[in-house]
C-alpha cells in the first residue's frame, strides 16, 4: 500500500488521489516491521 512521509504516493497527483481514500499512507516504521 502507499507509504507516508515521502515518495510518489505521498506527493504529487498520486498523493492527491490517495488522500481521503480507503488506503491511507502507512507510517514507514510500521511498514518496515511488516516487511
ModelCIF file with pLDDT and N, C-alpha, C, O atoms, coordinates in Angstrom:
data_MODEL
#
_entry.id   MODEL 
#
_entity.id                         1 
_entity.type                       polymer 
_entity.pdbx_number_of_molecules   1 
#
_entity_poly.entity_id                      1 
_entity_poly.type                           'polypeptide(L)' 
_entity_poly.nstd_linkage                   no 
_entity_poly.nstd_monomer                   no 
_entity_poly.pdbx_seq_one_letter_code       
;(UNK)(UNK)(UNK)(UNK)(UNK)(UNK)(UNK)(UNK)(UNK)(UNK)(UNK)(UNK)(UNK)(UNK)(UNK)(UNK)
(UNK)(UNK)(UNK)(UNK)(UNK)(UNK)(UNK)(UNK)(UNK)(UNK)(UNK)(UNK)(UNK)(UNK)(UNK)(UNK)
(UNK)(UNK)(UNK)
;
_entity_poly.pdbx_seq_one_letter_code_can   XXXXXXXXXXXXXXXXXXXXXXXXXXXXXXXXXXX 
_entity_poly.pdbx_strand_id                 A 
#
loop_
_entity_poly_seq.entity_id 
_entity_poly_seq.num 
_entity_poly_seq.mon_id 
_entity_poly_seq.hetero 
1 1  UNK n 
1 2  UNK n 
1 3  UNK n 
1 4  UNK n 
1 5  UNK n 
1 6  UNK n 
1 7  UNK n 
1 8  UNK n 
1 9  UNK n 
1 10 UNK n 
1 11 UNK n 
1 12 UNK n 
1 13 UNK n 
1 14 UNK n 
1 15 UNK n 
1 16 UNK n 
1 17 UNK n 
1 18 UNK n 
1 19 UNK n 
1 20 UNK n 
1 21 UNK n 
1 22 UNK n 
1 23 UNK n 
1 24 UNK n 
1 25 UNK n 
1 26 UNK n 
1 27 UNK n 
1 28 UNK n 
1 29 UNK n 
1 30 UNK n 
1 31 UNK n 
1 32 UNK n 
1 33 UNK n 
1 34 UNK n 
1 35 UNK n 
#
_struct_asym.id          A 
_struct_asym.entity_id   1 
#
loop_
_ma_qa_metric.id 
_ma_qa_metric.mode 
_ma_qa_metric.name 
_ma_qa_metric.software_group_id 
_ma_qa_metric.type 
1 global pLDDT . pLDDT 
2 local  pLDDT . pLDDT 
#
_ma_qa_metric_global.metric_id      1 
_ma_qa_metric_global.metric_value   74.80 
_ma_qa_metric_global.model_id       1 
_ma_qa_metric_global.ordinal_id     1 
#
loop_
_ma_qa_metric_local.label_asym_id 
_ma_qa_metric_local.label_comp_id 
_ma_qa_metric_local.label_seq_id 
_ma_qa_metric_local.metric_id 
_ma_qa_metric_local.metric_value 
_ma_qa_metric_local.model_id 
_ma_qa_metric_local.ordinal_id 
A UNK 1  2 84.00 1 1  
A UNK 2  2 84.00 1 2  
A UNK 3  2 86.00 1 3  
A UNK 4  2 85.00 1 4  
A UNK 5  2 81.00 1 5  
A UNK 6  2 76.00 1 6  
A UNK 7  2 70.00 1 7  
A UNK 8  2 68.00 1 8  
A UNK 9  2 65.00 1 9  
A UNK 10 2 62.00 1 10 
A UNK 11 2 62.00 1 11 
A UNK 12 2 58.00 1 12 
A UNK 13 2 57.00 1 13 
A UNK 14 2 57.00 1 14 
A UNK 15 2 59.00 1 15 
A UNK 16 2 59.00 1 16 
A UNK 17 2 58.00 1 17 
A UNK 18 2 59.00 1 18 
A UNK 19 2 57.00 1 19 
A UNK 20 2 56.00 1 20 
A UNK 21 2 63.00 1 21 
A UNK 22 2 73.00 1 22 
A UNK 23 2 78.00 1 23 
A UNK 24 2 81.00 1 24 
A UNK 25 2 85.00 1 25 
A UNK 26 2 87.00 1 26 
A UNK 27 2 88.00 1 27 
A UNK 28 2 90.00 1 28 
A UNK 29 2 91.00 1 29 
A UNK 30 2 89.00 1 30 
A UNK 31 2 89.00 1 31 
A UNK 32 2 91.00 1 32 
A UNK 33 2 91.00 1 33 
A UNK 34 2 90.00 1 34 
A UNK 35 2 89.00 1 35 
#
loop_
_atom_site.group_PDB 
_atom_site.id 
_atom_site.type_symbol 
_atom_site.label_atom_id 
_atom_site.label_alt_id 
_atom_site.label_comp_id 
_atom_site.label_asym_id 
_atom_site.label_entity_id 
_atom_site.label_seq_id 
_atom_site.pdbx_PDB_ins_code 
_atom_site.Cartn_x 
_atom_site.Cartn_y 
_atom_site.Cartn_z 
_atom_site.occupancy 
_atom_site.B_iso_or_equiv 
_atom_site.pdbx_formal_charge 
_atom_site.auth_seq_id 
_atom_site.auth_comp_id 
_atom_site.auth_asym_id 
_atom_site.auth_atom_id 
_atom_site.pdbx_PDB_model_num 
ATOM 1   N N  . UNK A 1 1  ? 0.857   -1.171 0.000  1.00 84.00 ? 1  UNK A N  1 
ATOM 2   C CA . UNK A 1 1  ? 0.000   0.000  0.000  1.00 84.00 ? 1  UNK A CA 1 
ATOM 3   C C  . UNK A 1 1  ? 0.898   1.227  0.000  1.00 84.00 ? 1  UNK A C  1 
ATOM 4   O O  . UNK A 1 1  ? 2.120   1.083  0.037  1.00 84.00 ? 1  UNK A O  1 
ATOM 5   N N  . UNK A 1 2  ? 0.335   2.429  -0.040 1.00 84.00 ? 2  UNK A N  1 
ATOM 6   C CA . UNK A 1 2  ? 1.159   3.644  -0.099 1.00 84.00 ? 2  UNK A CA 1 
ATOM 7   C C  . UNK A 1 2  ? 1.914   3.899  1.199  1.00 84.00 ? 2  UNK A C  1 
ATOM 8   O O  . UNK A 1 2  ? 1.403   3.647  2.290  1.00 84.00 ? 2  UNK A O  1 
ATOM 9   N N  . UNK A 1 3  ? 3.125   4.397  1.065  1.00 86.00 ? 3  UNK A N  1 
ATOM 10  C CA . UNK A 1 3  ? 3.944   4.787  2.214  1.00 86.00 ? 3  UNK A CA 1 
ATOM 11  C C  . UNK A 1 3  ? 3.816   6.283  2.444  1.00 86.00 ? 3  UNK A C  1 
ATOM 12  O O  . UNK A 1 3  ? 3.678   7.059  1.498  1.00 86.00 ? 3  UNK A O  1 
ATOM 13  N N  . UNK A 1 4  ? 3.862   6.675  3.697  1.00 85.00 ? 4  UNK A N  1 
ATOM 14  C CA . UNK A 1 4  ? 3.778   8.088  4.051  1.00 85.00 ? 4  UNK A CA 1 
ATOM 15  C C  . UNK A 1 4  ? 5.176   8.706  4.123  1.00 85.00 ? 4  UNK A C  1 
ATOM 16  O O  . UNK A 1 4  ? 6.184   8.005  4.028  1.00 85.00 ? 4  UNK A O  1 
ATOM 17  N N  . UNK A 1 5  ? 5.217   10.014 4.290  1.00 81.00 ? 5  UNK A N  1 
ATOM 18  C CA . UNK A 1 5  ? 6.418   10.803 4.581  1.00 81.00 ? 5  UNK A CA 1 
ATOM 19  C C  . UNK A 1 5  ? 7.377   10.966 3.407  1.00 81.00 ? 5  UNK A C  1 
ATOM 20  O O  . UNK A 1 5  ? 8.458   11.526 3.586  1.00 81.00 ? 5  UNK A O  1 
ATOM 21  N N  . UNK A 1 6  ? 7.028   10.507 2.237  1.00 76.00 ? 6  UNK A N  1 
ATOM 22  C CA . UNK A 1 6  ? 7.921   10.697 1.095  1.00 76.00 ? 6  UNK A CA 1 
ATOM 23  C C  . UNK A 1 6  ? 7.592   9.730  -0.014 1.00 76.00 ? 6  UNK A C  1 
ATOM 24  O O  . UNK A 1 6  ? 6.819   8.790  0.168  1.00 76.00 ? 6  UNK A O  1 
ATOM 25  N N  . UNK A 1 7  ? 8.197   9.974  -1.181 1.00 70.00 ? 7  UNK A N  1 
ATOM 26  C CA . UNK A 1 7  ? 7.955   9.077  -2.301 1.00 70.00 ? 7  UNK A CA 1 
ATOM 27  C C  . UNK A 1 7  ? 6.736   9.487  -3.113 1.00 70.00 ? 7  UNK A C  1 
ATOM 28  O O  . UNK A 1 7  ? 6.040   10.449 -2.789 1.00 70.00 ? 7  UNK A O  1 
ATOM 29  N N  . UNK A 1 8  ? 6.502   8.736  -4.166 1.00 68.00 ? 8  UNK A N  1 
ATOM 30  C CA . UNK A 1 8  ? 5.478   9.091  -5.141 1.00 68.00 ? 8  UNK A CA 1 
ATOM 31  C C  . UNK A 1 8  ? 4.074   9.130  -4.546 1.00 68.00 ? 8  UNK A C  1 
ATOM 32  O O  . UNK A 1 8  ? 3.273   10.000 -4.890 1.00 68.00 ? 8  UNK A O  1 
ATOM 33  N N  . UNK A 1 9  ? 3.775   8.182  -3.648 1.00 65.00 ? 9  UNK A N  1 
ATOM 34  C CA . UNK A 1 9  ? 2.410   8.093  -3.121 1.00 65.00 ? 9  UNK A CA 1 
ATOM 35  C C  . UNK A 1 9  ? 2.091   9.211  -2.137 1.00 65.00 ? 9  UNK A C  1 
ATOM 36  O O  . UNK A 1 9  ? 0.925   9.506  -1.877 1.00 65.00 ? 9  UNK A O  1 
ATOM 37  N N  . UNK A 1 10 ? 3.131   9.830  -1.593 1.00 62.00 ? 10 UNK A N  1 
ATOM 38  C CA . UNK A 1 10 ? 2.897   10.877 -0.594 1.00 62.00 ? 10 UNK A CA 1 
ATOM 39  C C  . UNK A 1 10 ? 2.861   12.267 -1.208 1.00 62.00 ? 10 UNK A C  1 
ATOM 40  O O  . UNK A 1 10 ? 2.474   13.228 -0.542 1.00 62.00 ? 10 UNK A O  1 
ATOM 41  N N  . UNK A 1 11 ? 3.260   12.385 -2.471 1.00 62.00 ? 11 UNK A N  1 
ATOM 42  C CA . UNK A 1 11 ? 3.323   13.705 -3.097 1.00 62.00 ? 11 UNK A CA 1 
ATOM 43  C C  . UNK A 1 11 ? 2.706   13.653 -4.477 1.00 62.00 ? 11 UNK A C  1 
ATOM 44  O O  . UNK A 1 11 ? 2.379   12.578 -4.980 1.00 62.00 ? 11 UNK A O  1 
ATOM 45  N N  . UNK A 1 12 ? 2.544   14.817 -5.090 1.00 58.00 ? 12 UNK A N  1 
ATOM 46  C CA . UNK A 1 12 ? 2.092   14.904 -6.467 1.00 58.00 ? 12 UNK A CA 1 
ATOM 47  C C  . UNK A 1 12 ? 0.661   14.449 -6.668 1.00 58.00 ? 12 UNK A C  1 
ATOM 48  O O  . UNK A 1 12 ? -0.128  14.367 -5.727 1.00 58.00 ? 12 UNK A O  1 
ATOM 49  N N  . UNK A 1 13 ? 0.345   14.154 -7.930 1.00 57.00 ? 13 UNK A N  1 
ATOM 50  C CA . UNK A 1 13 ? -1.023  13.798 -8.312 1.00 57.00 ? 13 UNK A CA 1 
ATOM 51  C C  . UNK A 1 13 ? -1.466  12.504 -7.643 1.00 57.00 ? 13 UNK A C  1 
ATOM 52  O O  . UNK A 1 13 ? -2.605  12.380 -7.191 1.00 57.00 ? 13 UNK A O  1 
ATOM 53  N N  . UNK A 1 14 ? -0.533  11.523 -7.586 1.00 57.00 ? 14 UNK A N  1 
ATOM 54  C CA . UNK A 1 14 ? -0.890  10.250 -6.965 1.00 57.00 ? 14 UNK A CA 1 
ATOM 55  C C  . UNK A 1 14 ? -1.262  10.456 -5.501 1.00 57.00 ? 14 UNK A C  1 
ATOM 56  O O  . UNK A 1 14 ? -2.224  9.866  -5.009 1.00 57.00 ? 14 UNK A O  1 
ATOM 57  N N  . UNK A 1 15 ? -0.489  11.303 -4.803 1.00 59.00 ? 15 UNK A N  1 
ATOM 58  C CA . UNK A 1 15 ? -0.794  11.566 -3.406 1.00 59.00 ? 15 UNK A CA 1 
ATOM 59  C C  . UNK A 1 15 ? -2.136  12.237 -3.224 1.00 59.00 ? 15 UNK A C  1 
ATOM 60  O O  . UNK A 1 15 ? -2.864  11.939 -2.278 1.00 59.00 ? 15 UNK A O  1 
ATOM 61  N N  . UNK A 1 16 ? -2.470  13.155 -4.141 1.00 59.00 ? 16 UNK A N  1 
ATOM 62  C CA . UNK A 1 16 ? -3.764  13.838 -4.068 1.00 59.00 ? 16 UNK A CA 1 
ATOM 63  C C  . UNK A 1 16 ? -4.910  12.837 -4.186 1.00 59.00 ? 16 UNK A C  1 
ATOM 64  O O  . UNK A 1 16 ? -5.916  12.951 -3.487 1.00 59.00 ? 16 UNK A O  1 
ATOM 65  N N  . UNK A 1 17 ? -4.751  11.855 -5.078 1.00 58.00 ? 17 UNK A N  1 
ATOM 66  C CA . UNK A 1 17 ? -5.813  10.874 -5.286 1.00 58.00 ? 17 UNK A CA 1 
ATOM 67  C C  . UNK A 1 17 ? -5.971  9.967  -4.071 1.00 58.00 ? 17 UNK A C  1 
ATOM 68  O O  . UNK A 1 17 ? -7.082  9.554  -3.740 1.00 58.00 ? 17 UNK A O  1 
ATOM 69  N N  . UNK A 1 18 ? -4.847  9.654  -3.401 1.00 59.00 ? 18 UNK A N  1 
ATOM 70  C CA . UNK A 1 18 ? -4.900  8.706  -2.295 1.00 59.00 ? 18 UNK A CA 1 
ATOM 71  C C  . UNK A 1 18 ? -5.419  9.333  -1.011 1.00 59.00 ? 18 UNK A C  1 
ATOM 72  O O  . UNK A 1 18 ? -6.068  8.663  -0.207 1.00 59.00 ? 18 UNK A O  1 
ATOM 73  N N  . UNK A 1 19 ? -5.133  10.628 -0.814 1.00 57.00 ? 19 UNK A N  1 
ATOM 74  C CA . UNK A 1 19 ? -5.565  11.268 0.422  1.00 57.00 ? 19 UNK A CA 1 
ATOM 75  C C  . UNK A 1 19 ? -7.083  11.266 0.524  1.00 57.00 ? 19 UNK A C  1 
ATOM 76  O O  . UNK A 1 19 ? -7.779  11.678 -0.404 1.00 57.00 ? 19 UNK A O  1 
ATOM 77  N N  . UNK A 1 20 ? -7.578  10.807 1.638  1.00 56.00 ? 20 UNK A N  1 
ATOM 78  C CA . UNK A 1 20 ? -9.016  10.745 1.835  1.00 56.00 ? 20 UNK A CA 1 
ATOM 79  C C  . UNK A 1 20 ? -9.633  9.490  1.260  1.00 56.00 ? 20 UNK A C  1 
ATOM 80  O O  . UNK A 1 20 ? -10.849 9.318  1.333  1.00 56.00 ? 20 UNK A O  1 
ATOM 81  N N  . UNK A 1 21 ? -8.815  8.592  0.680  1.00 63.00 ? 21 UNK A N  1 
ATOM 82  C CA . UNK A 1 21 ? -9.329  7.358  0.123  1.00 63.00 ? 21 UNK A CA 1 
ATOM 83  C C  . UNK A 1 21 ? -9.349  6.235  1.141  1.00 63.00 ? 21 UNK A C  1 
ATOM 84  O O  . UNK A 1 21 ? -9.205  6.458  2.343  1.00 63.00 ? 21 UNK A O  1 
ATOM 85  N N  . UNK A 1 22 ? -9.530  5.025  0.639  1.00 73.00 ? 22 UNK A N  1 
ATOM 86  C CA . UNK A 1 22 ? -9.659  3.870  1.540  1.00 73.00 ? 22 UNK A CA 1 
ATOM 87  C C  . UNK A 1 22 ? -8.324  3.219  1.852  1.00 73.00 ? 22 UNK A C  1 
ATOM 88  O O  . UNK A 1 22 ? -8.283  2.271  2.636  1.00 73.00 ? 22 UNK A O  1 
ATOM 89  N N  . UNK A 1 23 ? -7.219  3.696  1.264  1.00 78.00 ? 23 UNK A N  1 
ATOM 90  C CA . UNK A 1 23 ? -5.885  3.187  1.576  1.00 78.00 ? 23 UNK A CA 1 
ATOM 91  C C  . UNK A 1 23 ? -5.005  4.330  2.074  1.00 78.00 ? 23 UNK A C  1 
ATOM 92  O O  . UNK A 1 23 ? -4.230  4.879  1.292  1.00 78.00 ? 23 UNK A O  1 
ATOM 93  N N  . UNK A 1 24 ? -5.099  4.705  3.345  1.00 81.00 ? 24 UNK A N  1 
ATOM 94  C CA . UNK A 1 24 ? -4.265  5.796  3.849  1.00 81.00 ? 24 UNK A CA 1 
ATOM 95  C C  . UNK A 1 24 ? -2.787  5.403  3.841  1.00 81.00 ? 24 UNK A C  1 
ATOM 96  O O  . UNK A 1 24 ? -2.468  4.231  4.045  1.00 81.00 ? 24 UNK A O  1 
ATOM 97  N N  . UNK A 1 25 ? -1.887  6.344  3.612  1.00 85.00 ? 25 UNK A N  1 
ATOM 98  C CA . UNK A 1 25 ? -0.453  6.049  3.602  1.00 85.00 ? 25 UNK A CA 1 
ATOM 99  C C  . UNK A 1 25 ? 0.019   5.487  4.945  1.00 85.00 ? 25 UNK A C  1 
ATOM 100 O O  . UNK A 1 25 ? -0.428  5.923  6.006  1.00 85.00 ? 25 UNK A O  1 
ATOM 101 N N  . UNK A 1 26 ? 0.931   4.511  4.878  1.00 87.00 ? 26 UNK A N  1 
ATOM 102 C CA . UNK A 1 26 ? 1.428   3.823  6.081  1.00 87.00 ? 26 UNK A CA 1 
ATOM 103 C C  . UNK A 1 26 ? 2.652   4.537  6.643  1.00 87.00 ? 26 UNK A C  1 
ATOM 104 O O  . UNK A 1 26 ? 3.458   5.086  5.891  1.00 87.00 ? 26 UNK A O  1 
ATOM 105 N N  . UNK A 1 27 ? 2.788   4.528  7.973  1.00 88.00 ? 27 UNK A N  1 
ATOM 106 C CA . UNK A 1 27 ? 3.991   5.037  8.608  1.00 88.00 ? 27 UNK A CA 1 
ATOM 107 C C  . UNK A 1 27 ? 5.157   4.124  8.233  1.00 88.00 ? 27 UNK A C  1 
ATOM 108 O O  . UNK A 1 27 ? 5.026   2.905  8.350  1.00 88.00 ? 27 UNK A O  1 
ATOM 109 N N  . UNK A 1 28 ? 6.291   4.663  7.787  1.00 90.00 ? 28 UNK A N  1 
ATOM 110 C CA . UNK A 1 28 ? 7.422   3.826  7.354  1.00 90.00 ? 28 UNK A CA 1 
ATOM 111 C C  . UNK A 1 28 ? 7.883   2.824  8.412  1.00 90.00 ? 28 UNK A C  1 
ATOM 112 O O  . UNK A 1 28 ? 8.245   1.697  8.073  1.00 90.00 ? 28 UNK A O  1 
ATOM 113 N N  . UNK A 1 29 ? 7.875   3.218  9.690  1.00 91.00 ? 29 UNK A N  1 
ATOM 114 C CA . UNK A 1 29 ? 8.349   2.293  10.732 1.00 91.00 ? 29 UNK A CA 1 
ATOM 115 C C  . UNK A 1 29 ? 7.475   1.043  10.791 1.00 91.00 ? 29 UNK A C  1 
ATOM 116 O O  . UNK A 1 29 ? 7.982   -0.070 10.933 1.00 91.00 ? 29 UNK A O  1 
ATOM 117 N N  . UNK A 1 30 ? 6.156   1.233  10.680 1.00 89.00 ? 30 UNK A N  1 
ATOM 118 C CA . UNK A 1 30 ? 5.259   0.071  10.679 1.00 89.00 ? 30 UNK A CA 1 
ATOM 119 C C  . UNK A 1 30 ? 5.431   -0.760 9.416  1.00 89.00 ? 30 UNK A C  1 
ATOM 120 O O  . UNK A 1 30 ? 5.351   -1.987 9.466  1.00 89.00 ? 30 UNK A O  1 
ATOM 121 N N  . UNK A 1 31 ? 5.669   -0.098 8.276  1.00 89.00 ? 31 UNK A N  1 
ATOM 122 C CA . UNK A 1 31 ? 5.842   -0.820 7.020  1.00 89.00 ? 31 UNK A CA 1 
ATOM 123 C C  . UNK A 1 31 ? 7.102   -1.678 7.048  1.00 89.00 ? 31 UNK A C  1 
ATOM 124 O O  . UNK A 1 31 ? 7.105   -2.801 6.545  1.00 89.00 ? 31 UNK A O  1 
ATOM 125 N N  . UNK A 1 32 ? 8.180   -1.142 7.643  1.00 91.00 ? 32 UNK A N  1 
ATOM 126 C CA . UNK A 1 32 ? 9.423   -1.924 7.737  1.00 91.00 ? 32 UNK A CA 1 
ATOM 127 C C  . UNK A 1 32 ? 9.224   -3.137 8.645  1.00 91.00 ? 32 UNK A C  1 
ATOM 128 O O  . UNK A 1 32 ? 9.723   -4.222 8.348  1.00 91.00 ? 32 UNK A O  1 
ATOM 129 N N  . UNK A 1 33 ? 8.499   -2.959 9.746  1.00 91.00 ? 33 UNK A N  1 
ATOM 130 C CA . UNK A 1 33 ? 8.189   -4.096 10.617 1.00 91.00 ? 33 UNK A CA 1 
ATOM 131 C C  . UNK A 1 33 ? 7.401   -5.157 9.850  1.00 91.00 ? 33 UNK A C  1 
ATOM 132 O O  . UNK A 1 33 ? 7.645   -6.354 10.004 1.00 91.00 ? 33 UNK A O  1 
ATOM 133 N N  . UNK A 1 34 ? 6.457   -4.708 9.026  1.00 90.00 ? 34 UNK A N  1 
ATOM 134 C CA . UNK A 1 34 ? 5.657   -5.645 8.235  1.00 90.00 ? 34 UNK A CA 1 
ATOM 135 C C  . UNK A 1 34 ? 6.529   -6.370 7.216  1.00 90.00 ? 34 UNK A C  1 
ATOM 136 O O  . UNK A 1 34 ? 6.314   -7.551 6.943  1.00 90.00 ? 34 UNK A O  1 
ATOM 137 N N  . UNK A 1 35 ? 7.520   -5.665 6.646  1.00 89.00 ? 35 UNK A N  1 
ATOM 138 C CA . UNK A 1 35 ? 8.422   -6.295 5.686  1.00 89.00 ? 35 UNK A CA 1 
ATOM 139 C C  . UNK A 1 35 ? 9.232   -7.396 6.372  1.00 89.00 ? 35 UNK A C  1 
ATOM 140 O O  . UNK A 1 35 ? 10.053  -8.049 5.729  1.00 89.00 ? 35 UNK A O  1 
#
